[in-house]
Protein backbone atom coordinates (compact mmCIF):
# COMPACT_ATOMS: atom_id res chain seq x y z
CA MET A 1 239.36 66.71 47.21
CA ILE A 2 238.06 63.84 49.36
CA GLU A 3 240.32 64.86 52.26
CA THR A 4 239.01 68.42 52.11
CA PHE A 5 235.46 67.09 51.97
CA LYS A 6 236.08 64.92 55.03
CA ARG A 7 237.62 67.79 56.94
CA ASP A 8 234.81 70.22 56.10
CA VAL A 9 232.09 67.71 57.00
CA GLU A 10 233.71 66.91 60.33
CA ARG A 11 234.18 70.59 61.13
CA GLY A 12 230.59 71.45 60.22
CA LEU A 13 228.80 68.59 61.94
CA GLY A 14 231.04 68.94 64.98
CA ALA A 15 230.13 72.61 65.39
CA ASN A 16 227.35 74.10 67.47
CA PRO A 17 225.16 74.96 65.64
CA LYS A 18 225.83 72.36 62.95
CA PHE A 19 226.41 73.40 59.33
CA LEU A 20 227.53 72.03 55.97
CA SER A 21 229.19 73.96 53.15
CA SER A 22 226.90 74.63 50.19
CA LYS A 23 229.80 74.18 47.76
CA TYR A 24 229.36 70.43 48.16
CA PHE A 25 225.81 70.49 46.78
CA TYR A 26 227.12 70.16 43.25
CA ASP A 27 227.86 66.55 42.42
CA LYS A 28 226.28 65.11 39.27
CA LYS A 29 222.86 64.68 40.88
CA GLY A 30 223.12 68.07 42.59
CA ASP A 31 223.88 69.74 39.25
CA GLU A 32 220.79 68.13 37.72
CA LEU A 33 218.57 69.12 40.65
CA PHE A 34 219.77 72.72 40.55
CA VAL A 35 218.92 72.96 36.85
CA LYS A 36 215.40 71.81 37.82
CA ILE A 37 215.28 74.46 40.57
CA MET A 38 216.16 77.18 38.07
CA HIS A 39 213.10 76.24 36.01
CA LEU A 40 210.64 76.08 38.93
CA PRO A 41 207.73 78.56 38.80
CA GLU A 42 208.67 79.83 42.29
CA TYR A 43 212.33 80.42 41.40
CA TYR A 44 212.10 83.92 39.93
CA LEU A 45 215.86 84.59 40.10
CA THR A 46 216.86 82.82 36.90
CA ARG A 47 213.95 84.22 34.88
CA SER A 48 214.59 87.75 36.14
CA GLU A 49 218.28 87.70 35.23
CA PHE A 50 217.55 85.92 31.96
CA GLU A 51 215.21 88.79 31.08
CA ILE A 52 218.09 91.22 31.54
CA PHE A 53 220.32 89.19 29.22
CA LYS A 54 217.53 88.63 26.69
CA LYS A 55 216.31 92.21 26.50
CA LYS A 56 219.30 94.28 27.55
CA SER A 57 222.47 92.59 26.29
CA ASP A 58 223.23 95.76 24.31
CA ASP A 59 223.14 97.78 27.54
CA LEU A 60 225.50 95.31 29.19
CA ILE A 61 227.94 95.45 26.27
CA ASP A 62 227.82 99.25 26.25
CA GLY A 63 228.70 99.20 29.95
CA PHE A 64 231.71 96.96 29.32
CA ASP A 65 233.28 99.76 27.22
CA LEU A 66 234.84 97.38 24.70
CA ASP A 67 236.69 98.03 21.45
CA ASN A 68 235.71 95.36 18.95
CA GLN A 69 239.14 95.64 17.35
CA ILE A 70 240.88 94.57 20.56
CA PRO A 71 240.65 90.96 21.82
CA PHE A 72 239.35 90.38 25.34
CA GLU A 73 238.55 87.47 27.65
CA LEU A 74 235.01 86.80 28.82
CA ILE A 75 235.44 84.81 32.04
CA GLU A 76 232.50 83.29 33.86
CA LEU A 77 232.72 82.09 37.44
CA GLY A 78 230.42 79.13 38.11
CA ALA A 79 229.13 78.95 34.57
CA GLY A 80 226.46 76.27 35.10
CA ASP A 81 224.41 75.49 31.98
CA GLY A 82 225.07 78.90 30.41
CA THR A 83 221.41 79.66 29.57
CA LYS A 84 221.70 83.37 30.34
CA THR A 85 225.23 83.78 29.07
CA LYS A 86 224.30 82.43 25.64
CA GLU A 87 222.20 85.55 25.08
CA LEU A 88 225.26 87.72 25.70
CA LEU A 89 227.52 85.47 23.62
CA LYS A 90 225.07 85.66 20.72
CA GLU A 91 225.10 89.46 20.78
CA LEU A 92 228.89 89.72 21.10
CA LEU A 93 229.36 87.41 18.14
CA LYS A 94 226.74 89.31 16.14
CA GLN A 95 228.66 92.55 16.76
CA ASP A 96 231.96 90.93 15.68
CA TYR A 97 233.81 91.25 18.98
CA ASP A 98 237.06 89.31 19.21
CA PHE A 99 236.95 87.35 22.45
CA THR A 100 237.53 83.99 24.09
CA TYR A 101 234.91 82.62 26.47
CA LYS A 102 236.48 81.03 29.55
CA PRO A 103 233.95 79.35 31.85
CA ILE A 104 235.30 78.35 35.27
CA ASP A 105 233.55 75.80 37.48
CA ILE A 106 234.47 73.23 40.11
CA SER A 107 232.09 70.80 38.38
CA LYS A 108 233.79 69.05 35.46
CA HIS A 109 230.46 67.51 34.52
CA ALA A 110 228.74 70.91 34.26
CA LEU A 111 231.55 72.32 32.10
CA GLU A 112 231.50 69.33 29.74
CA GLN A 113 227.75 69.71 29.32
CA LEU A 114 228.15 73.44 28.66
CA GLU A 115 230.97 72.94 26.17
CA GLY A 116 228.91 70.47 24.15
CA SER A 117 225.92 72.81 24.13
CA LEU A 118 228.04 75.78 23.02
CA LYS A 119 229.57 73.83 20.14
CA GLU A 120 226.08 73.18 18.83
CA SER A 121 224.84 76.76 19.30
CA PHE A 122 227.98 78.71 18.38
CA PRO A 123 230.47 76.59 16.42
CA GLU A 124 232.58 79.70 15.73
CA LEU A 125 232.94 80.58 19.44
CA LYS A 126 236.38 80.21 21.02
CA VAL A 127 235.92 78.35 24.32
CA GLU A 128 238.55 77.44 26.89
CA LYS A 129 236.91 75.73 29.86
CA GLN A 130 238.72 75.80 33.20
CA VAL A 131 238.01 73.26 35.97
CA GLY A 132 239.00 74.47 39.42
CA GLU A 133 238.61 77.03 42.17
CA TYR A 134 238.04 80.56 40.92
CA PHE A 135 241.13 82.27 42.26
CA GLU A 136 243.53 79.52 41.24
CA VAL A 137 242.45 79.96 37.64
CA LEU A 138 242.14 83.76 37.76
CA THR A 139 245.64 84.18 39.15
CA ASP A 140 246.97 82.41 36.06
CA LEU A 141 244.88 84.68 33.83
CA LYS A 142 245.89 87.98 35.47
CA ASN A 143 248.89 88.55 33.22
CA SER A 144 247.32 87.46 29.95
CA GLY A 145 247.70 90.98 28.57
CA LYS A 146 244.04 91.10 27.55
CA LYS A 147 241.13 92.97 29.06
CA LYS A 148 238.94 90.77 31.22
CA VAL A 149 235.18 90.87 31.58
CA ILE A 150 234.34 88.62 34.53
CA LEU A 151 230.80 87.33 34.98
CA PHE A 152 229.59 86.30 38.43
CA LEU A 153 225.89 85.79 37.88
CA GLY A 154 222.83 84.23 39.48
CA SER A 155 223.36 86.00 42.80
CA ASN A 156 225.99 83.36 43.62
CA ILE A 157 227.69 85.96 45.78
CA GLY A 158 224.57 85.85 47.94
CA ASN A 159 225.63 82.40 49.18
CA LEU A 160 228.39 84.17 51.15
CA THR A 161 228.08 86.15 54.35
CA ASP A 162 228.70 89.88 54.00
CA GLU A 163 232.14 89.43 55.54
CA GLN A 164 232.95 86.62 53.10
CA SER A 165 231.57 88.66 50.18
CA SER A 166 233.77 91.59 51.10
CA ARG A 167 236.81 89.31 51.25
CA PHE A 168 235.81 87.70 47.95
CA LEU A 169 235.62 91.05 46.16
CA LYS A 170 238.96 92.13 47.61
CA GLU A 171 240.59 88.91 46.40
CA LEU A 172 238.91 89.25 43.03
CA SER A 173 240.13 92.82 42.60
CA GLU A 174 243.69 91.60 43.23
CA VAL A 175 243.59 89.53 40.02
CA MET A 176 242.08 92.35 37.96
CA ASN A 177 243.86 95.05 35.99
CA ASP A 178 242.92 98.65 35.27
CA GLY A 179 239.73 98.78 33.20
CA ASP A 180 238.74 95.17 33.79
CA ILE A 181 235.04 94.60 34.36
CA LEU A 182 233.07 92.55 36.88
CA LEU A 183 229.43 91.91 35.99
CA LEU A 184 227.87 91.02 39.32
CA GLY A 185 224.35 89.59 39.36
CA VAL A 186 222.50 90.04 42.64
CA ASP A 187 218.99 89.37 43.90
CA LEU A 188 217.38 92.48 45.32
CA ILE A 189 215.60 92.72 48.70
CA LYS A 190 211.90 91.99 48.31
CA LYS A 191 208.87 90.93 50.29
CA GLN A 192 208.74 87.55 52.04
CA GLU A 193 205.87 86.24 49.92
CA ILE A 194 208.03 86.61 46.80
CA VAL A 195 211.35 85.35 48.17
CA LEU A 196 210.50 82.47 50.50
CA PRO A 197 208.78 80.16 47.95
CA ALA A 198 211.94 80.30 45.82
CA TYR A 199 213.70 78.36 48.59
CA ASP A 200 210.79 76.13 49.61
CA ASP A 201 209.02 75.10 46.41
CA ALA A 202 205.76 73.18 46.49
CA SER A 203 207.12 70.27 44.43
CA GLY A 204 209.99 69.59 46.85
CA VAL A 205 212.90 69.93 44.41
CA THR A 206 214.80 72.30 46.74
CA ALA A 207 214.32 69.85 49.60
CA ALA A 208 215.74 67.06 47.43
CA PHE A 209 218.66 69.32 46.49
CA ASN A 210 219.54 69.88 50.14
CA LEU A 211 219.00 66.24 51.14
CA ASN A 212 221.26 65.13 48.29
CA LEU A 213 224.24 66.42 50.26
CA LEU A 214 223.48 63.93 53.03
CA GLU A 215 223.18 61.25 50.35
CA ARG A 216 226.58 62.30 49.02
CA ILE A 217 228.11 62.01 52.51
CA ASN A 218 226.58 58.55 52.80
CA ARG A 219 228.05 57.48 49.46
CA GLU A 220 231.48 59.11 49.58
CA LEU A 221 232.25 59.02 53.31
CA GLY A 222 230.36 55.90 54.36
CA ALA A 223 227.79 57.64 56.58
CA ASN A 224 224.43 56.21 57.60
CA PHE A 225 222.18 59.26 57.37
CA ASN A 226 218.52 58.22 57.14
CA LEU A 227 217.19 60.85 54.75
CA ASP A 228 213.61 60.17 55.87
CA GLN A 229 214.56 61.50 59.31
CA PHE A 230 215.46 64.98 58.02
CA VAL A 231 213.25 67.68 56.51
CA HIS A 232 214.08 70.82 54.60
CA GLU A 233 213.24 74.16 56.22
CA ALA A 234 213.62 77.69 54.80
CA VAL A 235 213.27 81.06 56.54
CA TYR A 236 213.39 84.68 55.31
CA THR A 237 212.46 88.12 56.54
CA GLU A 238 212.59 91.29 54.46
CA GLU A 239 214.16 93.16 57.39
CA GLU A 240 217.22 90.91 57.46
CA GLY A 241 217.25 90.31 53.70
CA ILE A 242 218.79 86.85 53.99
CA ALA A 243 217.08 83.57 53.03
CA LYS A 244 218.39 80.62 55.07
CA SER A 245 218.05 76.90 54.36
CA TYR A 246 218.27 74.13 56.95
CA LEU A 247 217.83 70.39 57.31
CA LYS A 248 216.01 69.58 60.54
CA SER A 249 216.30 66.31 62.44
CA MET A 250 212.83 64.86 63.03
CA GLU A 251 214.00 62.57 65.84
CA SER A 252 216.81 62.24 68.36
CA GLN A 253 219.34 60.16 66.45
CA GLU A 254 222.97 59.24 65.92
CA VAL A 255 224.80 59.29 62.59
CA TYR A 256 228.05 57.40 62.10
CA ILE A 257 230.52 58.44 59.38
CA ARG A 258 232.94 55.62 58.65
CA ALA A 259 235.57 57.77 56.87
CA LEU A 260 235.83 59.89 60.03
CA ASP A 261 235.27 57.01 62.46
CA ARG A 262 233.02 59.36 64.36
CA THR A 263 229.42 59.46 65.54
CA PHE A 264 227.41 62.68 65.50
CA ILE A 265 224.43 63.13 67.81
CA PHE A 266 221.31 65.01 66.70
CA ALA A 267 218.61 66.20 69.07
CA LYS A 268 215.00 66.17 67.90
CA GLY A 269 214.41 69.45 66.07
CA GLU A 270 218.14 70.22 65.74
CA ARG A 271 219.01 71.90 62.45
CA ILE A 272 221.97 71.72 60.06
CA HIS A 273 222.52 75.10 58.44
CA MET A 274 222.93 74.42 54.72
CA GLU A 275 222.94 77.70 52.85
CA ILE A 276 222.23 81.42 52.90
CA SER A 277 221.05 83.64 50.06
CA ARG A 278 221.69 87.30 50.77
CA LYS A 279 219.49 89.87 49.03
CA TYR A 280 220.99 93.24 48.16
CA ASN A 281 220.41 96.94 47.69
CA ASP A 282 222.84 99.71 46.70
CA ARG A 283 223.84 100.39 50.30
CA ILE A 284 224.72 96.78 51.09
CA LEU A 285 226.73 96.43 47.87
CA GLU A 286 228.66 99.63 48.52
CA ARG A 287 229.48 98.34 52.00
CA ILE A 288 230.92 95.03 50.82
CA MET A 289 232.91 96.83 48.09
CA GLU A 290 234.76 98.98 50.63
CA GLY A 291 238.51 98.45 50.46
CA THR A 292 238.47 97.30 46.83
CA SER A 293 239.33 99.21 43.67
CA LEU A 294 235.92 98.45 42.19
CA GLU A 295 233.44 101.18 41.30
CA VAL A 296 229.84 100.94 40.11
CA ARG A 297 229.53 102.02 36.50
CA ASP A 298 225.96 100.93 35.87
CA LYS A 299 223.04 98.96 37.33
CA ILE A 300 220.74 97.10 34.95
CA MET A 301 217.49 95.60 36.28
CA ASP A 302 214.67 93.43 34.99
CA ASP A 303 211.28 95.04 34.40
CA ARG A 304 209.96 94.19 37.89
CA ALA A 305 213.19 95.34 39.62
CA TYR A 306 213.54 91.92 41.26
CA PHE A 307 217.14 91.44 40.13
CA ALA A 308 220.13 93.61 39.18
CA ASP A 309 223.31 93.11 37.20
CA TYR A 310 225.85 95.65 38.41
CA ILE A 311 228.68 96.61 36.08
CA LEU A 312 231.72 97.19 38.27
CA VAL A 313 234.95 98.55 36.83
CA PHE A 314 238.41 98.09 38.34
CA GLN A 315 240.15 101.45 38.72
CA ASP A 316 243.87 101.09 39.44
CA ARG A 317 244.66 103.73 42.04
CA ALA A 318 248.30 102.74 42.39
């Protein structure tokens, strides 16, 4: 892991323009900061999707087309703290479905926290947590012989470019079997005054979340980033439909990373691209699904139509 981290940091900071991979946000402190972000008044995404799970779990289950006499696997990619998923789990258990919940996450800490919480809330629930990259785990699960319902929530797919999203869905469809379901949560395109504050909150938690990655590089790779010399910056336009986060250098400066034995030069005002958050509509989703065997079965939205959970079914055309 540390070698991959080193390689990705060197590649990103050595590029023009500079960038860092958002997958490295999630160390222990990053996990805690993101939980805070999800509860910020500006961060409508979590509340909007939670509303879907709270009010419309029956609609989701209907769209899964399950037989409660046949066991299935409920697999969640990037499970986090499971706040939304617990609403679905509660309804599935209430309706006596036979299933095993398999949360997958690269963060062992997040999964351990989730497992403890689930034991308290649902002692009867069968849980098999899986630490690792999504496709490594899913490949092992492909031939389980059970129907899979895969959850990819929170508009996590929006952290990928459209090209990466298309590749992701193609790879995901390769580990699915006929009739398997993907529940894909996506943030919908909206006006700037709604979206932008979600990535630039007044209390500065999102800024701390981004800056924590520099702190992690300092700690794990022996860098000497001065966090006071970088500020968080977010941009979004409705026309493009993509929120972008940066860290901007406030001064001309040099940063040395001991693990790489390399110095990186920053000009005043130079930005490190940290993350994107793509917003979707039906047309964009259909475009990134091209070349897969996935088809839209249903689209379930919150009351304000800010967010959508698409039910996608794998249709084996072989």
